[in-house]
N, C-alpha and C. Protein backbone atom coordinates (compact mmCIF):
# COMPACT_ATOMS: atom_id res chain seq x y z
N MET A 1 -18.03 -7.06 -20.25
CA MET A 1 -17.63 -6.72 -18.89
C MET A 1 -17.91 -7.88 -18.14
N LYS A 2 -18.94 -8.82 -18.32
CA LYS A 2 -19.14 -10.07 -17.35
C LYS A 2 -18.19 -10.92 -17.68
N ALA A 3 -17.52 -11.20 -18.96
CA ALA A 3 -16.66 -11.90 -19.29
C ALA A 3 -15.22 -11.63 -18.56
N LEU A 4 -15.16 -10.18 -18.33
CA LEU A 4 -13.97 -9.92 -17.61
C LEU A 4 -14.02 -10.21 -16.30
N PHE A 5 -15.03 -9.94 -15.64
CA PHE A 5 -15.52 -10.33 -14.17
C PHE A 5 -15.16 -11.91 -13.96
N ALA A 6 -15.87 -12.73 -14.69
CA ALA A 6 -15.94 -14.00 -14.86
C ALA A 6 -14.44 -14.40 -14.74
N GLY A 7 -13.49 -13.99 -15.65
CA GLY A 7 -12.06 -14.46 -15.53
C GLY A 7 -11.67 -14.14 -14.55
N ALA A 8 -11.86 -12.80 -14.15
CA ALA A 8 -11.17 -12.59 -12.73
C ALA A 8 -11.41 -13.39 -11.62
N ALA A 9 -12.97 -13.81 -11.63
CA ALA A 9 -13.33 -14.55 -10.47
C ALA A 9 -12.85 -15.88 -10.60
N CYS A 10 -12.61 -16.36 -11.59
CA CYS A 10 -12.10 -17.83 -12.11
C CYS A 10 -10.62 -17.84 -11.44
N ALA A 11 -9.92 -16.71 -11.84
CA ALA A 11 -8.58 -16.81 -11.51
C ALA A 11 -8.31 -16.65 -9.89
N VAL A 12 -9.13 -15.99 -9.31
CA VAL A 12 -9.08 -15.92 -7.98
C VAL A 12 -9.44 -17.32 -7.19
N MET A 13 -10.69 -17.66 -7.65
CA MET A 13 -11.12 -19.12 -7.08
C MET A 13 -9.96 -20.08 -7.29
N ALA A 14 -9.34 -19.91 -8.57
CA ALA A 14 -7.99 -21.10 -9.03
C ALA A 14 -7.04 -21.18 -8.05
N THR A 15 -6.71 -19.85 -7.55
CA THR A 15 -5.59 -19.95 -6.81
C THR A 15 -6.00 -20.15 -5.20
N ALA A 16 -7.42 -19.95 -4.91
CA ALA A 16 -7.73 -20.36 -3.83
C ALA A 16 -7.91 -21.89 -3.61
N ALA A 17 -7.99 -22.33 -4.49
CA ALA A 17 -8.28 -23.99 -4.63
C ALA A 17 -7.00 -24.47 -4.37
N ALA A 18 -5.80 -23.94 -4.67
CA ALA A 18 -4.50 -24.41 -4.24
C ALA A 18 -4.24 -24.42 -2.95
N THR A 19 -5.32 -24.04 -1.94
CA THR A 19 -4.95 -23.69 -0.40
C THR A 19 -5.27 -25.07 -0.06
N PRO A 20 -4.96 -25.46 1.35
CA PRO A 20 -5.60 -26.59 1.95
C PRO A 20 -7.24 -26.51 2.18
N VAL A 21 -7.81 -27.46 1.92
CA VAL A 21 -9.30 -27.72 1.95
C VAL A 21 -9.70 -27.23 3.48
N SER A 22 -8.85 -27.80 4.35
CA SER A 22 -9.53 -27.30 5.69
C SER A 22 -9.30 -25.81 6.26
N ALA A 23 -8.52 -25.17 5.45
CA ALA A 23 -7.91 -23.81 5.48
C ALA A 23 -9.07 -22.83 5.35
N GLY A 24 -8.97 -21.57 5.96
CA GLY A 24 -9.86 -20.48 5.57
C GLY A 24 -10.82 -20.07 6.79
N GLU A 25 -11.97 -19.03 6.17
CA GLU A 25 -12.52 -18.66 7.16
C GLU A 25 -14.14 -18.31 6.50
N VAL A 26 -15.25 -18.39 7.18
CA VAL A 26 -16.64 -17.98 6.63
C VAL A 26 -16.85 -16.60 7.42
N LEU A 27 -17.65 -15.77 6.72
CA LEU A 27 -18.22 -14.57 7.18
C LEU A 27 -19.39 -14.27 7.23
N LEU A 28 -20.17 -13.48 8.15
CA LEU A 28 -21.27 -13.26 7.97
C LEU A 28 -21.64 -11.89 8.48
N GLY A 29 -22.04 -10.96 7.67
CA GLY A 29 -22.08 -9.78 8.02
C GLY A 29 -23.53 -8.91 7.80
N VAL A 30 -23.59 -7.74 8.60
CA VAL A 30 -24.91 -6.93 8.23
C VAL A 30 -24.39 -5.67 8.02
N PHE A 31 -24.79 -5.06 6.98
CA PHE A 31 -24.34 -3.85 6.78
C PHE A 31 -25.64 -2.60 6.30
N GLU A 32 -25.29 -1.40 6.88
CA GLU A 32 -26.22 -0.20 6.23
C GLU A 32 -25.67 0.06 4.85
N HIS A 33 -26.65 -0.12 3.92
CA HIS A 33 -26.59 -0.01 2.53
C HIS A 33 -26.90 1.21 2.20
N ASP A 34 -25.75 1.72 1.37
CA ASP A 34 -25.76 3.06 0.86
C ASP A 34 -25.54 4.12 1.72
N THR A 35 -24.52 3.85 2.83
CA THR A 35 -24.51 4.66 3.96
C THR A 35 -23.95 6.11 3.54
N THR A 36 -24.39 7.18 4.23
CA THR A 36 -23.62 8.29 4.19
C THR A 36 -22.81 8.68 5.22
N LEU A 37 -22.53 7.62 6.20
CA LEU A 37 -21.51 8.03 7.50
C LEU A 37 -20.17 8.25 6.98
N VAL A 38 -19.52 7.37 6.04
CA VAL A 38 -18.45 7.20 5.76
C VAL A 38 -18.03 8.75 4.97
N GLY A 39 -18.78 8.91 3.92
CA GLY A 39 -18.69 10.21 2.89
C GLY A 39 -18.69 11.42 3.89
N ASN A 40 -19.66 11.53 4.63
CA ASN A 40 -19.68 12.97 5.37
C ASN A 40 -18.62 12.90 6.44
N ALA A 41 -17.98 11.71 7.07
CA ALA A 41 -16.85 11.78 7.85
C ALA A 41 -15.59 12.40 7.17
N ILE A 42 -15.47 12.15 5.89
CA ILE A 42 -14.23 12.43 5.42
C ILE A 42 -14.41 13.77 4.45
N GLY A 43 -15.72 14.48 4.57
CA GLY A 43 -15.93 15.57 4.01
C GLY A 43 -16.28 15.64 2.62
N LEU A 44 -16.72 14.45 1.91
CA LEU A 44 -17.12 14.72 0.62
C LEU A 44 -18.61 14.34 0.54
N GLY A 45 -19.23 14.31 1.71
CA GLY A 45 -20.83 14.03 1.31
C GLY A 45 -21.44 12.71 0.62
N ALA A 46 -22.58 12.64 0.78
CA ALA A 46 -22.90 11.40 0.28
C ALA A 46 -24.45 11.54 -0.29
N ALA A 47 -25.06 10.94 -1.44
CA ALA A 47 -26.58 11.19 -1.73
C ALA A 47 -27.33 10.42 -0.59
N GLY A 48 -27.03 9.07 -0.64
CA GLY A 48 -27.84 8.25 0.04
C GLY A 48 -29.02 7.91 -0.49
N ARG A 49 -29.08 7.41 -1.87
CA ARG A 49 -30.23 7.31 -2.71
C ARG A 49 -30.76 6.00 -2.30
N GLU A 50 -30.18 4.90 -2.08
CA GLU A 50 -30.81 3.65 -1.80
C GLU A 50 -30.93 3.17 -0.43
N ASP A 51 -32.10 2.51 0.00
CA ASP A 51 -32.15 2.10 1.39
C ASP A 51 -32.03 0.65 1.43
N GLY A 52 -32.16 0.62 2.99
CA GLY A 52 -32.01 -1.00 3.36
C GLY A 52 -31.06 -1.49 3.85
N VAL A 53 -31.03 -2.87 4.25
CA VAL A 53 -29.82 -3.46 4.86
C VAL A 53 -29.27 -4.43 4.01
N ASP A 54 -27.98 -4.48 4.25
CA ASP A 54 -27.24 -5.69 3.31
C ASP A 54 -26.90 -6.69 4.19
N VAL A 55 -27.41 -8.01 3.75
CA VAL A 55 -26.60 -9.19 4.38
C VAL A 55 -25.57 -9.76 3.43
N GLN A 56 -24.32 -9.83 4.11
CA GLN A 56 -23.16 -10.33 3.51
C GLN A 56 -22.50 -11.68 3.94
N LEU A 57 -22.53 -12.24 3.00
CA LEU A 57 -22.21 -13.99 3.05
C LEU A 57 -20.91 -13.98 2.34
N GLY A 58 -19.74 -14.68 2.91
CA GLY A 58 -18.49 -14.67 2.22
C GLY A 58 -17.45 -15.64 2.92
N TYR A 59 -16.43 -15.95 1.99
CA TYR A 59 -15.39 -16.87 2.41
C TYR A 59 -13.96 -16.34 2.38
N ARG A 60 -13.13 -16.72 2.92
CA ARG A 60 -11.66 -16.24 2.76
C ARG A 60 -10.79 -17.15 2.94
N THR A 61 -9.99 -17.66 2.05
CA THR A 61 -8.81 -18.61 2.09
C THR A 61 -7.89 -18.26 3.42
N ASP A 62 -7.04 -19.07 3.35
CA ASP A 62 -5.75 -18.88 4.24
C ASP A 62 -4.99 -18.28 3.52
N ARG A 63 -3.87 -17.70 4.20
CA ARG A 63 -2.85 -16.87 3.33
C ARG A 63 -2.07 -17.61 2.05
N ILE A 64 -2.04 -17.02 1.16
CA ILE A 64 -1.76 -17.82 -0.25
C ILE A 64 -0.30 -17.58 -0.33
N GLU A 65 0.39 -18.93 0.06
CA GLU A 65 1.95 -18.87 0.31
C GLU A 65 2.63 -18.63 -1.21
N GLY A 66 2.03 -19.01 -2.21
CA GLY A 66 2.67 -18.95 -3.50
C GLY A 66 2.52 -17.41 -4.16
N LEU A 67 1.80 -16.44 -3.41
CA LEU A 67 1.69 -15.20 -3.88
C LEU A 67 2.74 -14.14 -2.96
N ARG A 68 3.92 -14.47 -2.83
CA ARG A 68 4.76 -13.92 -1.79
C ARG A 68 5.03 -12.52 -2.44
N LEU A 69 4.89 -12.16 -3.61
CA LEU A 69 5.44 -10.84 -4.11
C LEU A 69 4.36 -9.79 -3.74
N LEU A 70 3.11 -10.49 -3.67
CA LEU A 70 1.78 -9.79 -3.31
C LEU A 70 1.69 -9.54 -1.76
N GLY A 71 2.40 -10.17 -1.13
CA GLY A 71 2.56 -10.08 0.47
C GLY A 71 1.64 -11.28 1.00
N LYS A 72 1.52 -12.46 0.46
CA LYS A 72 0.67 -13.57 0.84
C LYS A 72 -0.86 -12.94 1.26
N PRO A 73 -1.42 -12.78 0.22
CA PRO A 73 -2.88 -12.26 0.71
C PRO A 73 -3.62 -13.53 1.09
N GLN A 74 -4.95 -13.03 1.49
CA GLN A 74 -6.08 -14.12 1.37
C GLN A 74 -6.80 -13.91 0.39
N ALA A 75 -7.38 -14.82 -0.42
CA ALA A 75 -8.65 -14.61 -1.41
C ALA A 75 -9.86 -14.51 -0.77
N HIS A 76 -10.88 -13.67 -1.39
CA HIS A 76 -12.15 -13.69 -0.70
C HIS A 76 -12.96 -13.60 -1.73
N ALA A 77 -14.34 -14.18 -1.53
CA ALA A 77 -15.40 -14.15 -2.29
C ALA A 77 -16.39 -13.96 -1.30
N LEU A 78 -17.50 -13.04 -1.73
CA LEU A 78 -18.40 -12.44 -1.00
C LEU A 78 -19.67 -12.13 -1.95
N LEU A 79 -21.00 -12.47 -1.30
CA LEU A 79 -22.28 -12.46 -1.68
C LEU A 79 -23.07 -11.21 -0.78
N SER A 80 -23.29 -10.30 -1.39
CA SER A 80 -24.28 -9.00 -0.75
C SER A 80 -25.53 -9.03 -1.18
N ILE A 81 -26.98 -9.18 -0.36
CA ILE A 81 -27.95 -9.21 -0.71
C ILE A 81 -28.46 -8.14 0.17
N ASN A 82 -29.44 -7.44 -0.66
CA ASN A 82 -30.07 -5.93 -0.18
C ASN A 82 -31.45 -6.34 0.15
N SER A 83 -32.11 -5.96 1.39
CA SER A 83 -33.34 -6.12 1.89
C SER A 83 -34.21 -5.46 0.91
N GLU A 84 -34.09 -4.32 0.22
CA GLU A 84 -35.11 -3.79 -0.54
C GLU A 84 -34.84 -4.36 -2.05
N ASN A 85 -33.97 -5.29 -2.27
CA ASN A 85 -33.66 -5.96 -3.65
C ASN A 85 -33.47 -4.74 -4.59
N THR A 86 -32.62 -3.89 -4.23
CA THR A 86 -32.01 -2.71 -5.12
C THR A 86 -30.77 -3.13 -5.70
N SER A 87 -29.75 -2.91 -5.40
CA SER A 87 -28.37 -3.26 -5.72
C SER A 87 -27.53 -4.41 -4.95
N ASN A 88 -27.68 -5.35 -5.28
CA ASN A 88 -27.39 -6.80 -4.61
C ASN A 88 -25.83 -7.03 -5.64
N PHE A 89 -24.73 -7.60 -4.86
CA PHE A 89 -23.68 -7.82 -5.59
C PHE A 89 -23.00 -9.08 -5.46
N VAL A 90 -22.19 -9.50 -6.18
CA VAL A 90 -21.06 -10.43 -5.87
C VAL A 90 -19.48 -10.15 -5.99
N ALA A 91 -18.70 -10.14 -5.21
CA ALA A 91 -17.20 -9.87 -5.45
C ALA A 91 -16.30 -10.98 -5.15
N VAL A 92 -15.19 -10.76 -5.67
CA VAL A 92 -13.84 -11.65 -5.49
C VAL A 92 -12.81 -10.71 -5.42
N GLY A 93 -11.72 -11.14 -4.48
CA GLY A 93 -10.33 -10.23 -4.50
C GLY A 93 -9.52 -10.76 -3.40
N PHE A 94 -8.49 -10.03 -3.05
CA PHE A 94 -7.64 -10.41 -2.31
C PHE A 94 -7.60 -9.49 -0.80
N ASP A 95 -7.56 -9.99 0.22
CA ASP A 95 -7.16 -8.90 1.59
C ASP A 95 -5.81 -9.39 2.30
N TRP A 96 -5.52 -8.30 3.08
CA TRP A 96 -4.22 -8.62 3.74
C TRP A 96 -4.46 -8.19 5.48
N ARG A 97 -4.26 -9.31 6.12
CA ARG A 97 -4.46 -9.15 7.52
C ARG A 97 -2.84 -8.45 8.11
N ILE A 98 -3.30 -7.39 8.87
CA ILE A 98 -1.75 -6.66 9.47
C ILE A 98 -2.22 -6.70 11.00
N GLU A 99 -1.33 -7.22 11.61
CA GLU A 99 -1.64 -7.45 13.23
C GLU A 99 -1.39 -5.91 13.87
N LEU A 100 -1.91 -5.60 14.62
CA LEU A 100 -1.86 -4.21 15.56
C LEU A 100 -1.64 -4.58 16.70
N GLY A 101 -0.36 -4.91 16.99
CA GLY A 101 0.43 -5.68 18.20
C GLY A 101 0.61 -6.93 18.05
N LYS A 102 0.60 -7.73 19.24
CA LYS A 102 0.77 -9.40 19.20
C LYS A 102 -0.42 -9.97 18.38
N PRO A 103 -0.10 -10.95 17.70
CA PRO A 103 -1.23 -11.97 17.04
C PRO A 103 -2.21 -12.18 18.19
N GLY A 104 -3.74 -12.50 17.67
CA GLY A 104 -4.59 -12.79 18.62
C GLY A 104 -5.21 -11.62 19.21
N GLY A 105 -5.18 -10.41 18.97
CA GLY A 105 -5.80 -9.17 19.31
C GLY A 105 -6.48 -8.46 18.14
N PHE A 106 -5.99 -7.29 18.11
CA PHE A 106 -6.73 -6.46 16.94
C PHE A 106 -5.89 -6.59 15.76
N TYR A 107 -6.58 -6.30 14.71
CA TYR A 107 -5.75 -6.36 13.38
C TYR A 107 -6.72 -5.45 12.52
N PHE A 108 -5.77 -4.96 11.39
CA PHE A 108 -6.20 -4.19 10.56
C PHE A 108 -6.50 -5.00 9.06
N ARG A 109 -7.33 -4.94 8.02
CA ARG A 109 -7.59 -5.60 7.10
C ARG A 109 -8.10 -4.72 5.84
N PRO A 110 -6.87 -4.50 4.88
CA PRO A 110 -7.43 -3.66 3.75
C PRO A 110 -7.66 -4.85 2.63
N GLY A 111 -8.38 -4.51 1.63
CA GLY A 111 -8.68 -5.39 0.51
C GLY A 111 -9.05 -4.72 -0.76
N LEU A 112 -9.04 -5.35 -1.86
CA LEU A 112 -9.25 -5.13 -3.07
C LEU A 112 -9.65 -5.95 -3.93
N GLY A 113 -10.87 -5.94 -4.48
CA GLY A 113 -11.57 -6.85 -5.67
C GLY A 113 -12.30 -6.14 -6.75
N LEU A 114 -12.72 -6.98 -7.34
CA LEU A 114 -13.86 -6.80 -8.31
C LEU A 114 -15.35 -7.11 -8.06
N ALA A 115 -16.26 -6.57 -8.49
CA ALA A 115 -17.61 -6.70 -7.91
C ALA A 115 -18.47 -6.77 -9.35
N TYR A 116 -19.36 -7.37 -9.23
CA TYR A 116 -20.41 -7.46 -10.35
C TYR A 116 -22.02 -7.16 -9.68
N THR A 117 -22.63 -5.94 -10.02
CA THR A 117 -24.10 -5.73 -9.31
C THR A 117 -25.13 -5.95 -10.26
N ASP A 118 -26.20 -6.10 -9.83
CA ASP A 118 -27.48 -6.19 -10.60
C ASP A 118 -28.17 -4.95 -10.54
N GLY A 119 -27.29 -3.74 -9.77
CA GLY A 119 -28.26 -2.70 -9.60
C GLY A 119 -28.14 -1.77 -11.05
N LYS A 120 -28.54 -0.45 -10.83
CA LYS A 120 -28.45 0.41 -12.29
C LYS A 120 -27.11 0.68 -12.89
N ALA A 121 -27.13 0.65 -14.12
CA ALA A 121 -25.74 1.04 -14.81
C ALA A 121 -26.43 1.53 -16.27
N GLY A 122 -26.61 2.97 -16.10
CA GLY A 122 -27.36 3.65 -17.27
C GLY A 122 -28.55 4.14 -17.08
N LEU A 123 -29.00 5.02 -16.05
CA LEU A 123 -30.30 5.24 -16.00
C LEU A 123 -30.61 6.25 -17.13
N PRO A 124 -32.03 6.51 -17.64
CA PRO A 124 -32.47 7.05 -18.91
C PRO A 124 -32.52 8.73 -18.08
N PRO A 125 -32.24 9.53 -18.88
CA PRO A 125 -32.29 11.07 -18.73
C PRO A 125 -33.62 11.43 -18.51
N ALA A 126 -33.91 12.26 -17.70
CA ALA A 126 -35.28 12.37 -17.34
C ALA A 126 -35.78 13.77 -17.87
N ASN A 127 -34.55 14.35 -18.27
CA ASN A 127 -34.83 15.82 -19.40
C ASN A 127 -34.79 15.62 -20.96
N ALA A 128 -34.84 14.37 -21.22
CA ALA A 128 -34.96 14.28 -22.74
C ALA A 128 -36.26 14.79 -23.10
N PRO A 129 -36.19 15.15 -24.43
CA PRO A 129 -37.52 15.85 -25.26
C PRO A 129 -38.45 15.12 -25.49
N GLY A 130 -39.59 15.35 -25.44
CA GLY A 130 -40.44 14.36 -25.88
C GLY A 130 -41.06 13.33 -25.08
N LEU A 131 -40.77 13.49 -23.73
CA LEU A 131 -41.45 12.59 -22.69
C LEU A 131 -42.88 12.60 -22.18
N SER A 132 -43.54 11.69 -21.86
CA SER A 132 -44.98 12.06 -21.36
C SER A 132 -44.61 12.51 -19.88
N ASP A 133 -45.35 13.23 -19.24
CA ASP A 133 -45.44 13.32 -17.81
C ASP A 133 -45.35 12.27 -16.89
N GLU A 134 -45.83 11.17 -17.41
CA GLU A 134 -45.81 9.92 -16.74
C GLU A 134 -44.22 9.42 -16.79
N GLU A 135 -43.75 9.38 -17.76
CA GLU A 135 -42.31 9.01 -17.84
C GLU A 135 -41.32 9.81 -17.49
N ARG A 136 -41.57 11.00 -17.31
CA ARG A 136 -40.43 11.94 -16.77
C ARG A 136 -40.56 11.78 -15.37
N ALA A 137 -41.80 11.56 -14.66
CA ALA A 137 -41.87 11.24 -13.26
C ALA A 137 -41.43 10.21 -12.75
N ARG A 138 -41.37 8.92 -13.63
CA ARG A 138 -40.52 7.64 -13.47
C ARG A 138 -39.26 7.90 -13.28
N ARG A 139 -38.72 8.41 -14.38
CA ARG A 139 -37.36 8.62 -14.55
C ARG A 139 -36.76 9.58 -13.37
N THR A 140 -37.41 10.62 -13.08
CA THR A 140 -36.96 11.45 -11.86
C THR A 140 -36.95 10.67 -10.60
N GLU A 141 -37.93 9.74 -10.68
CA GLU A 141 -37.98 8.87 -9.34
C GLU A 141 -36.66 8.03 -9.22
N LEU A 142 -36.51 7.48 -10.37
CA LEU A 142 -35.39 6.73 -10.57
C LEU A 142 -33.76 7.19 -10.16
N TYR A 143 -33.99 8.56 -10.81
CA TYR A 143 -32.76 9.52 -10.26
C TYR A 143 -32.46 9.47 -8.79
N TYR A 144 -33.41 9.99 -8.28
CA TYR A 144 -33.27 10.21 -6.55
C TYR A 144 -33.37 8.90 -5.89
N THR A 145 -33.56 7.69 -6.40
CA THR A 145 -33.79 6.38 -5.66
C THR A 145 -33.02 5.40 -5.81
N ARG A 146 -32.36 5.52 -6.91
CA ARG A 146 -31.42 4.70 -7.33
C ARG A 146 -30.05 4.74 -7.68
N ILE A 147 -28.85 4.19 -7.40
CA ILE A 147 -27.52 4.39 -7.62
C ILE A 147 -27.36 4.44 -9.34
N ASP A 148 -26.82 5.16 -10.05
CA ASP A 148 -26.27 4.64 -11.15
C ASP A 148 -24.89 4.36 -11.49
N PHE A 149 -24.53 3.10 -11.49
CA PHE A 149 -23.09 2.87 -11.38
C PHE A 149 -22.27 3.10 -12.61
N GLY A 150 -23.01 3.30 -13.53
CA GLY A 150 -22.17 3.21 -14.80
C GLY A 150 -22.08 2.26 -15.60
N SER A 151 -21.67 1.16 -14.70
CA SER A 151 -21.06 -0.37 -15.13
C SER A 151 -21.40 -1.28 -14.14
N ARG A 152 -21.88 -2.18 -14.69
CA ARG A 152 -22.35 -3.58 -13.78
C ARG A 152 -20.90 -4.36 -13.02
N VAL A 153 -19.71 -4.03 -13.71
CA VAL A 153 -18.42 -4.52 -13.42
C VAL A 153 -17.69 -3.46 -12.50
N LEU A 154 -17.43 -3.48 -11.23
CA LEU A 154 -16.84 -2.36 -10.55
C LEU A 154 -15.81 -2.89 -9.64
N PHE A 155 -14.86 -1.94 -9.07
CA PHE A 155 -13.95 -2.06 -8.45
C PHE A 155 -14.58 -2.22 -6.93
N GLU A 156 -13.94 -3.13 -5.92
CA GLU A 156 -14.38 -3.18 -4.63
C GLU A 156 -13.45 -3.25 -3.83
N PRO A 157 -12.95 -2.12 -3.19
CA PRO A 157 -11.91 -2.03 -2.20
C PRO A 157 -12.66 -1.88 -0.77
N GLU A 158 -11.81 -2.56 0.41
CA GLU A 158 -12.71 -2.33 1.28
C GLU A 158 -11.90 -2.51 2.61
N LEU A 159 -12.12 -2.14 3.75
CA LEU A 159 -11.23 -2.02 5.05
C LEU A 159 -12.11 -2.44 6.15
N ALA A 160 -11.10 -3.18 6.97
CA ALA A 160 -11.73 -3.69 8.28
C ALA A 160 -10.87 -3.94 9.44
N LEU A 161 -11.48 -3.39 10.46
CA LEU A 161 -10.93 -3.32 11.89
C LEU A 161 -11.22 -4.58 12.78
N GLY A 162 -10.66 -5.44 12.80
CA GLY A 162 -11.08 -6.70 13.58
C GLY A 162 -10.34 -7.16 15.09
N TYR A 163 -11.05 -7.92 15.74
CA TYR A 163 -10.41 -8.39 16.84
C TYR A 163 -10.83 -9.93 17.04
N ASP A 164 -9.89 -10.59 17.55
CA ASP A 164 -9.92 -12.26 17.85
C ASP A 164 -10.51 -12.39 19.08
N ILE A 165 -11.69 -12.80 18.95
CA ILE A 165 -12.45 -13.04 20.26
C ILE A 165 -11.87 -14.18 21.02
N ASN A 166 -11.41 -15.20 19.99
CA ASN A 166 -10.98 -16.60 20.59
C ASN A 166 -10.11 -17.28 19.40
N ASP A 167 -9.74 -18.59 19.42
CA ASP A 167 -9.01 -18.82 18.34
C ASP A 167 -9.90 -19.18 17.27
N SER A 168 -11.36 -19.53 17.21
CA SER A 168 -12.19 -19.56 16.15
C SER A 168 -13.13 -18.67 15.74
N TRP A 169 -13.32 -17.64 16.66
CA TRP A 169 -14.16 -16.43 16.07
C TRP A 169 -13.59 -15.01 16.28
N SER A 170 -13.82 -14.08 15.43
CA SER A 170 -13.45 -12.86 15.31
C SER A 170 -14.74 -11.92 15.09
N ALA A 171 -14.61 -10.71 15.23
CA ALA A 171 -15.67 -9.83 14.99
C ALA A 171 -14.53 -8.65 14.17
N GLU A 172 -15.56 -8.18 13.24
CA GLU A 172 -14.90 -7.07 12.32
C GLU A 172 -15.87 -5.80 12.11
N LEU A 173 -15.19 -4.66 12.20
CA LEU A 173 -16.22 -3.34 11.62
C LEU A 173 -15.64 -3.15 10.14
N SER A 174 -16.70 -3.13 9.33
CA SER A 174 -16.06 -3.18 7.96
C SER A 174 -16.73 -2.31 6.99
N TYR A 175 -15.87 -1.89 5.96
CA TYR A 175 -16.30 -0.91 5.13
C TYR A 175 -16.12 -1.34 3.68
N THR A 176 -17.35 -1.17 2.81
CA THR A 176 -16.99 -1.63 1.39
C THR A 176 -17.53 -0.66 0.69
N HIS A 177 -16.82 -0.47 -0.49
CA HIS A 177 -17.04 0.46 -1.50
C HIS A 177 -16.91 -0.15 -2.88
N LEU A 178 -17.94 0.27 -3.73
CA LEU A 178 -18.26 -0.16 -5.00
C LEU A 178 -18.37 1.11 -6.11
N SER A 179 -17.52 1.14 -6.91
CA SER A 179 -17.26 2.36 -8.11
C SER A 179 -16.62 1.75 -9.39
N ASN A 180 -16.75 2.25 -10.52
CA ASN A 180 -16.20 1.93 -11.63
C ASN A 180 -14.97 2.53 -11.69
N GLY A 181 -14.65 3.66 -11.03
CA GLY A 181 -13.36 4.59 -10.93
C GLY A 181 -13.11 5.03 -12.26
N GLN A 182 -14.07 5.22 -13.02
CA GLN A 182 -14.00 5.84 -14.44
C GLN A 182 -12.94 4.98 -15.39
N VAL A 183 -12.89 3.67 -15.16
CA VAL A 183 -12.04 2.92 -15.96
C VAL A 183 -12.97 1.74 -16.53
N PHE A 184 -14.18 1.17 -15.90
CA PHE A 184 -15.03 0.42 -16.81
C PHE A 184 -15.87 1.09 -17.43
N HIS A 185 -16.29 2.37 -17.13
CA HIS A 185 -17.20 3.37 -17.82
C HIS A 185 -16.67 4.78 -17.75
N LYS A 186 -16.72 5.53 -18.83
CA LYS A 186 -16.55 6.71 -18.68
C LYS A 186 -17.73 7.82 -18.67
N GLY A 187 -17.97 8.34 -17.64
CA GLY A 187 -18.98 9.36 -17.14
C GLY A 187 -19.71 9.08 -15.83
N LYS A 188 -20.70 8.45 -16.06
CA LYS A 188 -21.55 8.35 -14.49
C LYS A 188 -20.45 7.30 -13.80
N ASN A 189 -20.22 7.85 -12.23
CA ASN A 189 -19.72 7.10 -11.49
C ASN A 189 -20.02 7.13 -9.88
N GLN A 190 -21.33 6.93 -9.88
CA GLN A 190 -21.94 6.92 -8.47
C GLN A 190 -21.55 5.84 -7.80
N GLY A 191 -21.25 5.66 -6.73
CA GLY A 191 -20.65 4.47 -6.04
C GLY A 191 -21.61 4.24 -4.90
N LEU A 192 -21.27 3.17 -4.19
CA LEU A 192 -22.06 2.49 -3.18
C LEU A 192 -21.30 2.20 -2.05
N ASP A 193 -21.32 2.78 -0.75
CA ASP A 193 -20.87 2.82 0.41
C ASP A 193 -21.47 1.67 1.37
N ASP A 194 -21.19 0.75 1.72
CA ASP A 194 -21.38 0.00 2.83
C ASP A 194 -20.77 -0.12 4.23
N ALA A 195 -21.32 -0.09 5.40
CA ALA A 195 -20.63 0.19 6.50
C ALA A 195 -21.45 -0.84 7.69
N GLY A 196 -20.56 -1.87 8.26
CA GLY A 196 -21.27 -2.61 9.18
C GLY A 196 -20.47 -3.90 9.92
N VAL A 197 -20.73 -4.48 10.40
CA VAL A 197 -20.09 -5.55 11.13
C VAL A 197 -20.30 -6.90 10.60
N ARG A 198 -19.18 -7.71 10.95
CA ARG A 198 -18.93 -9.01 10.58
C ARG A 198 -18.74 -10.03 11.73
N LEU A 199 -19.33 -11.17 11.54
CA LEU A 199 -18.84 -12.40 12.40
C LEU A 199 -17.71 -13.20 11.66
N VAL A 200 -16.79 -13.75 12.15
CA VAL A 200 -15.82 -14.50 11.27
C VAL A 200 -15.57 -15.65 12.21
N TYR A 201 -15.77 -16.77 11.22
CA TYR A 201 -15.42 -18.25 11.79
C TYR A 201 -14.38 -18.83 11.29
N LYS A 202 -13.23 -19.17 11.85
CA LYS A 202 -12.03 -19.71 11.27
C LYS A 202 -12.06 -21.37 11.40
N PHE A 203 -11.82 -21.90 10.25
CA PHE A 203 -11.88 -23.30 10.41
C PHE A 203 -10.71 -23.63 11.04
């Protein structure tokens, strides 16, 4: 799994390296970690096991002209650090800026990538036979307070609604989801939903 993520990361970054050095933008965001807002809004509900705030740092390339068949996406690389040191992650992928009206105003930005988390992937069952009371209590607490991703390598779809403040700065409302999609692991598929705001500086 690590090799798969590393290979995908190298491929994305190699493609990004082909863009001009001066091009691109940097991102700084603050997100509610494991938010229940999105799941409840679309009627799915959400457990909200983990707490804290995520600080997200990232970089996007300029549009990659060589990937015309993919709609000339931008490549992104993200680092997300949780204030409670639970499920941190790194991610790489592509996203597409779609203007909502004339350029220089509102835009919509869907994206898709791969992520690697240091969160839990395979929590031990609390109902296993022969456990001491102390161990059963420890496992039960983990079940209610930690996400079990099933896999450390995850899909990373994201959505953002942005607005260009001026030629250099933009602001985005952003949503990021992590889950294995029953592809990287069969069974546990508890996901992470992050929602927050980003400031974007364009070079």
